[in-house]
């Protein structure tokens, strides 16, 4: 079965927002569950700030601490286990974790995945 790369740009993530538990819902049409997924986004914030992203109530798919180099927005991507995703009704929660600084600022979230063609 032929496959091709596909992406979903999450609505309302083009405007920077504070990572305080914001929820995004999205579908991945024709998603191939046997291939990895890449989650891309822009992030900024003060040092000692933690960014956590959870997909479909699984343990943290993304969990890292921002250092002082994140004071200006940086593009970031992470390979996320494909088993965290499904074809429809995905739920992504973006939050700041325990840290000494303010919550990180996130924008421009894009999900890259492989789609099967009929």
N, C-alpha and C. Protein backbone atom coordinates (compact mmCIF):
# COMPACT_ATOMS: atom_id res chain seq x y z
N UNK A 1 0.84 -1.18 0.00
CA UNK A 1 0.00 0.00 0.00
C UNK A 1 0.89 1.24 0.00
N UNK A 2 0.70 2.16 -0.93
CA UNK A 2 1.52 3.38 -0.97
C UNK A 2 1.30 4.25 0.27
N UNK A 3 2.35 4.97 0.63
CA UNK A 3 2.28 5.90 1.76
C UNK A 3 2.83 7.24 1.34
N UNK A 4 2.46 8.27 2.07
CA UNK A 4 3.03 9.59 1.82
C UNK A 4 3.05 10.36 3.12
N UNK A 5 3.92 11.37 3.17
CA UNK A 5 3.99 12.22 4.36
C UNK A 5 2.81 13.17 4.36
N UNK A 6 2.28 13.41 5.53
CA UNK A 6 1.12 14.30 5.70
C UNK A 6 1.39 15.14 6.95
N UNK A 7 0.71 16.26 7.04
CA UNK A 7 0.84 17.07 8.25
C UNK A 7 -0.50 17.68 8.62
N UNK A 8 -0.61 18.01 9.90
CA UNK A 8 -1.77 18.73 10.41
C UNK A 8 -1.24 19.91 11.22
N UNK A 9 -1.60 21.12 10.83
CA UNK A 9 -1.26 22.32 11.59
C UNK A 9 -2.43 22.58 12.54
N UNK A 10 -2.16 22.58 13.83
CA UNK A 10 -3.24 22.70 14.80
C UNK A 10 -3.81 24.11 14.81
N UNK A 11 -5.11 24.18 14.63
CA UNK A 11 -5.80 25.48 14.60
C UNK A 11 -5.58 26.23 15.91
N UNK A 12 -5.51 27.51 15.80
CA UNK A 12 -5.38 28.43 16.93
C UNK A 12 -4.02 28.31 17.63
N UNK A 13 -3.06 27.59 17.03
CA UNK A 13 -1.73 27.56 17.63
C UNK A 13 -0.78 28.51 16.92
N UNK A 14 -1.29 29.23 15.89
CA UNK A 14 -0.43 30.17 15.17
C UNK A 14 -0.17 31.43 15.99
N UNK A 15 -1.00 31.71 16.97
CA UNK A 15 -0.79 32.83 17.87
C UNK A 15 -0.12 32.30 19.15
N UNK A 16 1.01 32.88 19.55
CA UNK A 16 1.69 32.39 20.75
C UNK A 16 0.77 32.40 21.98
N UNK A 17 0.89 31.35 22.80
CA UNK A 17 0.07 31.23 24.00
C UNK A 17 0.92 30.69 25.15
N UNK A 18 0.49 31.00 26.36
CA UNK A 18 1.18 30.50 27.54
C UNK A 18 0.77 29.05 27.79
N UNK A 19 1.75 28.19 28.03
CA UNK A 19 1.49 26.75 28.21
C UNK A 19 0.94 26.49 29.62
N UNK A 20 -0.36 26.64 29.74
CA UNK A 20 -1.00 26.48 31.05
C UNK A 20 -2.11 25.43 31.00
N UNK A 21 -1.90 24.36 30.23
CA UNK A 21 -2.88 23.30 30.16
C UNK A 21 -3.82 23.42 28.98
N UNK A 22 -3.41 24.10 27.94
CA UNK A 22 -4.28 24.30 26.77
C UNK A 22 -4.49 22.98 26.03
N UNK A 23 -5.72 22.74 25.61
CA UNK A 23 -6.11 21.51 24.94
C UNK A 23 -6.34 21.77 23.45
N UNK A 24 -5.78 20.88 22.62
CA UNK A 24 -6.02 20.89 21.18
C UNK A 24 -6.57 19.52 20.80
N UNK A 25 -7.56 19.50 19.93
CA UNK A 25 -8.09 18.24 19.40
C UNK A 25 -7.88 18.24 17.89
N UNK A 26 -7.55 17.06 17.34
CA UNK A 26 -7.28 16.98 15.91
C UNK A 26 -7.37 15.53 15.45
N UNK A 27 -7.53 15.37 14.14
CA UNK A 27 -7.56 14.05 13.50
C UNK A 27 -6.31 13.88 12.64
N UNK A 28 -5.93 12.63 12.40
CA UNK A 28 -4.84 12.29 11.50
C UNK A 28 -5.40 11.34 10.44
N UNK A 29 -6.02 11.88 9.40
CA UNK A 29 -6.67 11.04 8.39
C UNK A 29 -5.70 10.01 7.79
N UNK A 30 -6.14 8.76 7.70
CA UNK A 30 -5.38 7.66 7.09
C UNK A 30 -4.04 7.40 7.79
N UNK A 31 -3.95 7.72 9.06
CA UNK A 31 -2.72 7.57 9.84
C UNK A 31 -2.20 6.13 9.82
N UNK A 32 -0.90 5.97 9.54
CA UNK A 32 -0.23 4.66 9.57
C UNK A 32 0.36 4.47 10.96
N UNK A 33 -0.26 3.63 11.76
CA UNK A 33 0.14 3.41 13.15
C UNK A 33 1.47 2.69 13.30
N UNK A 34 2.07 2.27 12.21
CA UNK A 34 3.35 1.57 12.28
C UNK A 34 4.54 2.50 12.06
N UNK A 35 4.29 3.78 11.84
CA UNK A 35 5.36 4.74 11.56
C UNK A 35 5.41 5.81 12.64
N UNK A 36 6.58 6.37 12.87
CA UNK A 36 6.73 7.39 13.91
C UNK A 36 6.06 8.70 13.50
N UNK A 37 5.85 9.54 14.50
CA UNK A 37 5.21 10.84 14.32
C UNK A 37 6.19 11.90 14.81
N UNK A 38 6.20 13.05 14.15
CA UNK A 38 7.04 14.16 14.58
C UNK A 38 6.13 15.31 14.98
N UNK A 39 6.36 15.84 16.17
CA UNK A 39 5.61 16.99 16.68
C UNK A 39 6.56 18.18 16.63
N UNK A 40 6.17 19.23 15.87
CA UNK A 40 7.01 20.42 15.71
C UNK A 40 6.27 21.62 16.30
N UNK A 41 7.03 22.58 16.83
CA UNK A 41 6.42 23.77 17.43
C UNK A 41 7.51 24.81 17.68
N UNK A 42 7.07 26.03 17.99
CA UNK A 42 7.98 27.08 18.44
C UNK A 42 7.79 27.21 19.95
N UNK A 43 8.89 27.49 20.65
CA UNK A 43 8.82 27.61 22.11
C UNK A 43 9.82 28.67 22.58
N UNK A 44 9.43 29.38 23.63
CA UNK A 44 10.33 30.33 24.28
C UNK A 44 9.94 30.42 25.75
N UNK A 45 10.82 31.00 26.53
CA UNK A 45 10.54 31.18 27.95
C UNK A 45 11.83 31.35 28.72
N UNK A 46 11.69 31.73 29.98
CA UNK A 46 12.89 31.91 30.80
C UNK A 46 13.52 30.56 31.14
N UNK A 47 14.79 30.58 31.54
CA UNK A 47 15.45 29.35 31.96
C UNK A 47 14.74 28.74 33.16
N UNK A 48 15.01 27.48 33.41
CA UNK A 48 14.41 26.73 34.51
C UNK A 48 12.89 26.61 34.39
N UNK A 49 12.41 26.59 33.16
CA UNK A 49 10.98 26.40 32.90
C UNK A 49 10.80 25.07 32.20
N UNK A 50 9.80 24.32 32.57
CA UNK A 50 9.56 23.00 31.98
C UNK A 50 8.39 23.06 31.04
N UNK A 51 8.53 22.39 29.88
CA UNK A 51 7.45 22.25 28.92
C UNK A 51 7.06 20.78 28.86
N UNK A 52 5.76 20.52 29.00
CA UNK A 52 5.26 19.15 28.94
C UNK A 52 4.08 19.10 27.98
N UNK A 53 4.06 18.07 27.14
CA UNK A 53 2.95 17.84 26.22
C UNK A 53 2.49 16.40 26.37
N UNK A 54 1.20 16.23 26.49
CA UNK A 54 0.61 14.91 26.66
C UNK A 54 -0.33 14.65 25.49
N UNK A 55 -0.20 13.47 24.88
CA UNK A 55 -1.08 13.09 23.78
C UNK A 55 -1.98 11.95 24.25
N UNK A 56 -3.28 12.17 24.16
CA UNK A 56 -4.28 11.14 24.47
C UNK A 56 -4.08 10.50 25.84
N UNK A 57 -3.79 11.34 26.83
CA UNK A 57 -3.67 10.91 28.22
C UNK A 57 -2.59 9.87 28.48
N UNK A 58 -1.61 9.77 27.58
CA UNK A 58 -0.46 8.88 27.80
C UNK A 58 0.55 9.62 28.65
N UNK A 59 1.53 8.92 29.21
CA UNK A 59 2.59 9.64 29.94
C UNK A 59 3.19 10.72 29.04
N UNK A 60 3.83 11.70 29.63
CA UNK A 60 4.32 12.85 28.87
C UNK A 60 5.04 12.42 27.60
N UNK A 61 4.52 12.89 26.46
CA UNK A 61 5.15 12.63 25.17
C UNK A 61 6.35 13.54 24.99
N UNK A 62 6.25 14.75 25.53
CA UNK A 62 7.35 15.71 25.50
C UNK A 62 7.49 16.26 26.91
N UNK A 63 8.71 16.26 27.41
CA UNK A 63 8.96 16.74 28.77
C UNK A 63 10.41 17.20 28.82
N UNK A 64 10.64 18.52 28.76
CA UNK A 64 12.01 19.01 28.84
C UNK A 64 12.05 20.37 29.51
N UNK A 65 13.22 20.71 30.01
CA UNK A 65 13.42 21.98 30.69
C UNK A 65 14.10 22.97 29.75
N UNK A 66 13.55 24.17 29.69
CA UNK A 66 14.14 25.22 28.87
C UNK A 66 15.32 25.83 29.61
N UNK A 67 16.40 26.06 28.88
CA UNK A 67 17.53 26.74 29.48
C UNK A 67 17.54 28.20 29.01
N UNK A 68 18.59 28.92 29.31
CA UNK A 68 18.63 30.36 29.00
C UNK A 68 18.65 30.64 27.50
N UNK A 69 18.92 29.64 26.67
CA UNK A 69 18.93 29.88 25.21
C UNK A 69 17.52 29.99 24.62
N UNK A 70 16.49 29.76 25.42
CA UNK A 70 15.11 29.80 24.93
C UNK A 70 14.43 31.16 25.17
N UNK A 71 15.18 32.19 25.51
CA UNK A 71 14.55 33.48 25.76
C UNK A 71 13.91 34.06 24.50
N UNK A 72 14.43 33.68 23.34
CA UNK A 72 13.79 34.05 22.08
C UNK A 72 13.17 32.79 21.49
N UNK A 73 12.10 32.91 20.71
CA UNK A 73 11.44 31.71 20.16
C UNK A 73 12.41 30.85 19.35
N UNK A 74 12.31 29.55 19.58
CA UNK A 74 13.10 28.57 18.83
C UNK A 74 12.16 27.52 18.26
N UNK A 75 12.49 27.06 17.07
CA UNK A 75 11.75 25.94 16.50
C UNK A 75 12.26 24.66 17.13
N UNK A 76 11.35 23.76 17.43
CA UNK A 76 11.71 22.52 18.10
C UNK A 76 10.93 21.38 17.48
N UNK A 77 11.49 20.21 17.44
CA UNK A 77 10.73 19.04 17.01
C UNK A 77 11.12 17.84 17.86
N UNK A 78 10.19 16.95 18.04
CA UNK A 78 10.41 15.73 18.81
C UNK A 78 9.78 14.57 18.06
N UNK A 79 10.46 13.44 18.04
CA UNK A 79 9.86 12.21 17.53
C UNK A 79 9.05 11.61 18.67
N UNK A 80 7.79 11.33 18.40
CA UNK A 80 6.88 10.83 19.43
C UNK A 80 6.42 9.43 19.03
N UNK A 81 6.36 8.55 19.98
CA UNK A 81 5.94 7.17 19.72
C UNK A 81 4.57 7.17 19.05
N UNK A 82 4.50 6.45 17.93
CA UNK A 82 3.25 6.41 17.16
C UNK A 82 2.08 5.83 17.93
N UNK A 83 2.35 5.02 18.95
CA UNK A 83 1.25 4.42 19.70
C UNK A 83 0.49 5.45 20.53
N UNK A 84 1.03 6.65 20.67
CA UNK A 84 0.32 7.71 21.39
C UNK A 84 -0.83 8.31 20.58
N UNK A 85 -0.81 8.09 19.26
CA UNK A 85 -1.77 8.74 18.37
C UNK A 85 -2.79 7.76 17.83
N UNK A 86 -3.88 8.30 17.31
CA UNK A 86 -4.93 7.51 16.67
C UNK A 86 -5.44 8.30 15.46
N UNK A 87 -6.26 7.68 14.64
CA UNK A 87 -6.75 8.33 13.42
C UNK A 87 -7.62 9.54 13.76
N UNK A 88 -8.50 9.41 14.71
CA UNK A 88 -9.42 10.50 15.03
C UNK A 88 -9.42 10.85 16.50
N UNK A 89 -9.87 12.06 16.78
CA UNK A 89 -10.09 12.56 18.14
C UNK A 89 -8.85 12.51 19.02
N UNK A 90 -7.72 12.92 18.48
CA UNK A 90 -6.50 13.06 19.29
C UNK A 90 -6.64 14.27 20.19
N UNK A 91 -6.06 14.17 21.39
CA UNK A 91 -6.09 15.25 22.36
C UNK A 91 -4.66 15.57 22.79
N UNK A 92 -4.24 16.80 22.55
CA UNK A 92 -2.90 17.24 22.94
C UNK A 92 -3.06 18.31 24.02
N UNK A 93 -2.43 18.10 25.16
CA UNK A 93 -2.45 19.08 26.24
C UNK A 93 -1.04 19.66 26.37
N UNK A 94 -0.94 20.99 26.32
CA UNK A 94 0.33 21.70 26.39
C UNK A 94 0.37 22.44 27.73
N UNK A 95 1.37 22.12 28.54
CA UNK A 95 1.43 22.74 29.87
C UNK A 95 2.86 23.00 30.30
N UNK A 96 3.00 23.94 31.21
CA UNK A 96 4.28 24.19 31.85
C UNK A 96 4.34 23.32 33.08
N UNK A 97 5.50 22.77 33.36
CA UNK A 97 5.65 21.91 34.53
C UNK A 97 6.23 22.68 35.70
N UNK A 98 6.53 21.93 36.72
CA UNK A 98 7.11 22.54 37.92
C UNK A 98 8.46 23.15 37.56
N UNK A 99 8.62 24.39 37.85
CA UNK A 99 9.87 25.11 37.57
C UNK A 99 9.84 26.43 38.30
N UNK A 100 10.92 27.14 38.24
CA UNK A 100 11.00 28.39 38.97
C UNK A 100 10.51 29.58 38.16
N UNK A 101 10.40 29.42 36.85
CA UNK A 101 10.01 30.54 36.01
C UNK A 101 8.54 30.51 35.63
N UNK A 102 8.18 31.44 34.78
CA UNK A 102 6.81 31.48 34.25
C UNK A 102 6.64 30.33 33.26
N UNK A 103 5.40 30.08 32.85
CA UNK A 103 5.14 29.03 31.87
C UNK A 103 5.75 29.40 30.53
N UNK A 104 6.18 28.40 29.76
CA UNK A 104 6.73 28.67 28.43
C UNK A 104 5.66 29.22 27.49
N UNK A 105 6.11 29.87 26.43
CA UNK A 105 5.24 30.37 25.38
C UNK A 105 5.41 29.45 24.18
N UNK A 106 4.30 28.96 23.63
CA UNK A 106 4.32 27.98 22.54
C UNK A 106 3.49 28.51 21.38
N UNK A 107 3.85 28.14 20.16
CA UNK A 107 3.04 28.49 18.99
C UNK A 107 3.37 27.54 17.84
N UNK A 108 2.59 27.64 16.78
CA UNK A 108 2.84 26.96 15.51
C UNK A 108 3.05 25.44 15.65
N UNK A 109 2.09 24.77 16.27
CA UNK A 109 2.20 23.33 16.47
C UNK A 109 1.79 22.60 15.19
N UNK A 110 2.66 21.70 14.73
CA UNK A 110 2.42 20.91 13.52
C UNK A 110 2.72 19.45 13.83
N UNK A 111 1.84 18.55 13.38
CA UNK A 111 2.04 17.11 13.53
C UNK A 111 2.36 16.54 12.16
N UNK A 112 3.53 15.91 12.01
CA UNK A 112 3.93 15.25 10.77
C UNK A 112 3.74 13.75 10.96
N UNK A 113 3.12 13.09 9.98
CA UNK A 113 2.88 11.66 10.09
C UNK A 113 2.83 11.02 8.71
N UNK A 114 2.82 9.70 8.67
CA UNK A 114 2.68 8.96 7.43
C UNK A 114 1.23 8.54 7.25
N UNK A 115 0.71 8.73 6.05
CA UNK A 115 -0.67 8.34 5.75
C UNK A 115 -0.64 7.23 4.70
N UNK A 116 -1.55 6.29 4.87
CA UNK A 116 -1.72 5.22 3.88
C UNK A 116 -2.72 5.68 2.84
N UNK A 117 -2.49 5.29 1.60
CA UNK A 117 -3.46 5.61 0.55
C UNK A 117 -4.24 4.35 0.21
N UNK A 118 -5.51 4.52 -0.09
CA UNK A 118 -6.33 3.34 -0.41
C UNK A 118 -5.94 2.72 -1.75
